[in-house]
Amino acid sequence: MDFRLGPREVNVHAVVVNVTISDREAAQRRLEQEVVPGVSQAPGFQTGYWTWKNNSGLSMAIFDSEEAATQSADRAREMIEANPTVSLINVEVREVVAHA
């Protein structure tokens, strides 16, 4: 899938993160104060969504290249490991193949 970003087309990739949340209030605070601002300033960032249901969190952040997504996935792992309010289930980089 190519998105038009200015004068050229580029492939985009998603970082998909799945976590278990042990403290929703603390996790929300950290998400708003650290995670979203940090991810949104990462090189190649395009857009992101963070969701939760019960004690499960799922996020998807879109980057303009596989390299930028991979670097962000590595940072996500480090941030989650340092966060006592969530436990990492999975982080993966996927190519975006369609959108609506």
Protein backbone atom coordinates (compact mmCIF):
# COMPACT_ATOMS: atom_id res chain seq x y z
CA MET A 1 0.00 0.00 0.00
CA ASP A 2 1.35 3.40 -0.91
CA PHE A 3 0.20 6.57 0.79
CA ARG A 4 0.70 9.88 -0.92
CA LEU A 5 2.87 12.00 1.35
CA GLY A 6 3.78 15.11 -0.54
CA PRO A 7 5.27 14.71 -4.02
CA ARG A 8 6.11 10.98 -3.79
CA GLU A 9 4.57 7.70 -2.73
CA VAL A 10 6.07 5.55 0.02
CA ASN A 11 5.34 2.18 1.60
CA VAL A 12 4.17 2.46 5.18
CA HIS A 13 4.54 0.05 8.07
CA ALA A 14 2.68 -0.36 11.35
CA VAL A 15 4.01 -1.09 14.80
CA VAL A 16 1.40 -3.20 16.57
CA VAL A 17 1.74 -3.47 20.35
CA ASN A 18 -0.33 -5.70 22.61
CA VAL A 19 -0.08 -5.34 26.41
CA THR A 20 -1.81 -6.38 29.61
CA ILE A 21 -2.70 -3.45 31.85
CA SER A 22 -2.44 -3.84 35.62
CA ASP A 23 -3.26 -0.22 36.60
CA ARG A 24 -5.49 1.60 34.10
CA GLU A 25 -5.28 5.01 35.74
CA ALA A 26 -1.48 4.99 35.92
CA ALA A 27 -1.23 3.52 32.41
CA GLN A 28 -3.50 6.26 31.00
CA ARG A 29 -1.44 8.95 32.71
CA ARG A 30 1.83 7.55 31.35
CA LEU A 31 0.27 7.11 27.91
CA GLU A 32 -0.80 10.77 27.78
CA GLN A 33 2.37 12.23 29.32
CA GLU A 34 5.11 10.06 27.81
CA VAL A 35 4.09 7.49 25.23
CA VAL A 36 1.91 9.49 22.82
CA PRO A 37 4.19 12.57 22.81
CA GLY A 38 7.28 10.38 22.37
CA VAL A 39 5.88 8.24 19.58
CA SER A 40 4.35 11.20 17.74
CA GLN A 41 7.79 12.87 17.58
CA ALA A 42 9.57 9.73 16.34
CA PRO A 43 11.16 9.89 12.88
CA GLY A 44 8.73 8.78 10.18
CA PHE A 45 5.63 8.82 12.40
CA GLN A 46 2.37 9.31 10.50
CA THR A 47 -0.51 8.45 12.87
CA GLY A 48 -1.28 6.26 15.85
CA TYR A 49 -4.14 4.71 17.80
CA TRP A 50 -4.13 3.35 21.34
CA THR A 51 -7.03 1.19 22.50
CA TRP A 52 -8.03 -0.88 25.50
CA LYS A 53 -10.69 -3.27 26.62
CA ASN A 54 -10.82 -4.53 30.19
CA ASN A 55 -7.15 -5.15 31.07
CA SER A 56 -5.88 -5.49 27.50
CA GLY A 57 -4.25 -2.71 25.47
CA LEU A 58 -3.64 -2.69 21.72
CA SER A 59 -1.96 0.08 19.75
CA MET A 60 -1.04 0.67 16.14
CA ALA A 61 1.33 3.40 15.01
CA ILE A 62 1.98 4.00 11.31
CA PHE A 63 5.43 4.98 10.01
CA ASP A 64 6.65 6.01 6.58
CA SER A 65 9.22 3.22 6.32
CA GLU A 66 9.98 -0.24 7.65
CA GLU A 67 13.21 1.08 9.17
CA ALA A 68 11.40 3.81 11.14
CA ALA A 69 8.79 1.29 12.31
CA THR A 70 11.46 -1.18 13.41
CA GLN A 71 13.28 1.51 15.39
CA SER A 72 10.00 2.51 17.04
CA ALA A 73 9.20 -1.13 17.88
CA ASP A 74 12.56 -1.43 19.63
CA ARG A 75 11.84 1.74 21.65
CA ALA A 76 8.34 0.44 22.49
CA ARG A 77 9.81 -2.76 23.94
CA GLU A 78 12.19 -0.74 26.11
CA MET A 79 9.48 1.64 27.32
CA ILE A 80 7.10 -1.19 28.19
CA GLU A 81 9.76 -3.16 30.05
CA ALA A 82 10.41 -0.04 32.18
CA ASN A 83 6.69 0.48 32.88
CA PRO A 84 5.30 -1.39 35.90
CA THR A 85 1.66 -0.65 34.93
CA VAL A 86 1.71 -2.79 31.77
CA SER A 87 3.14 -6.14 30.68
CA LEU A 88 4.23 -6.79 27.12
CA ILE A 89 2.45 -9.52 25.20
CA ASN A 90 3.78 -8.75 21.72
CA VAL A 91 5.35 -6.06 19.52
CA GLU A 92 5.57 -6.52 15.78
CA VAL A 93 6.15 -4.57 12.61
CA ARG A 94 3.71 -5.18 9.75
CA GLU A 95 3.43 -3.80 6.26
CA VAL A 96 0.21 -1.86 5.73
CA VAL A 97 -1.51 -3.33 2.67
CA ALA A 98 -4.84 -1.45 2.64
CA HIS A 99 -6.74 1.30 4.42
CA ALA A 100 -10.12 3.05 4.18
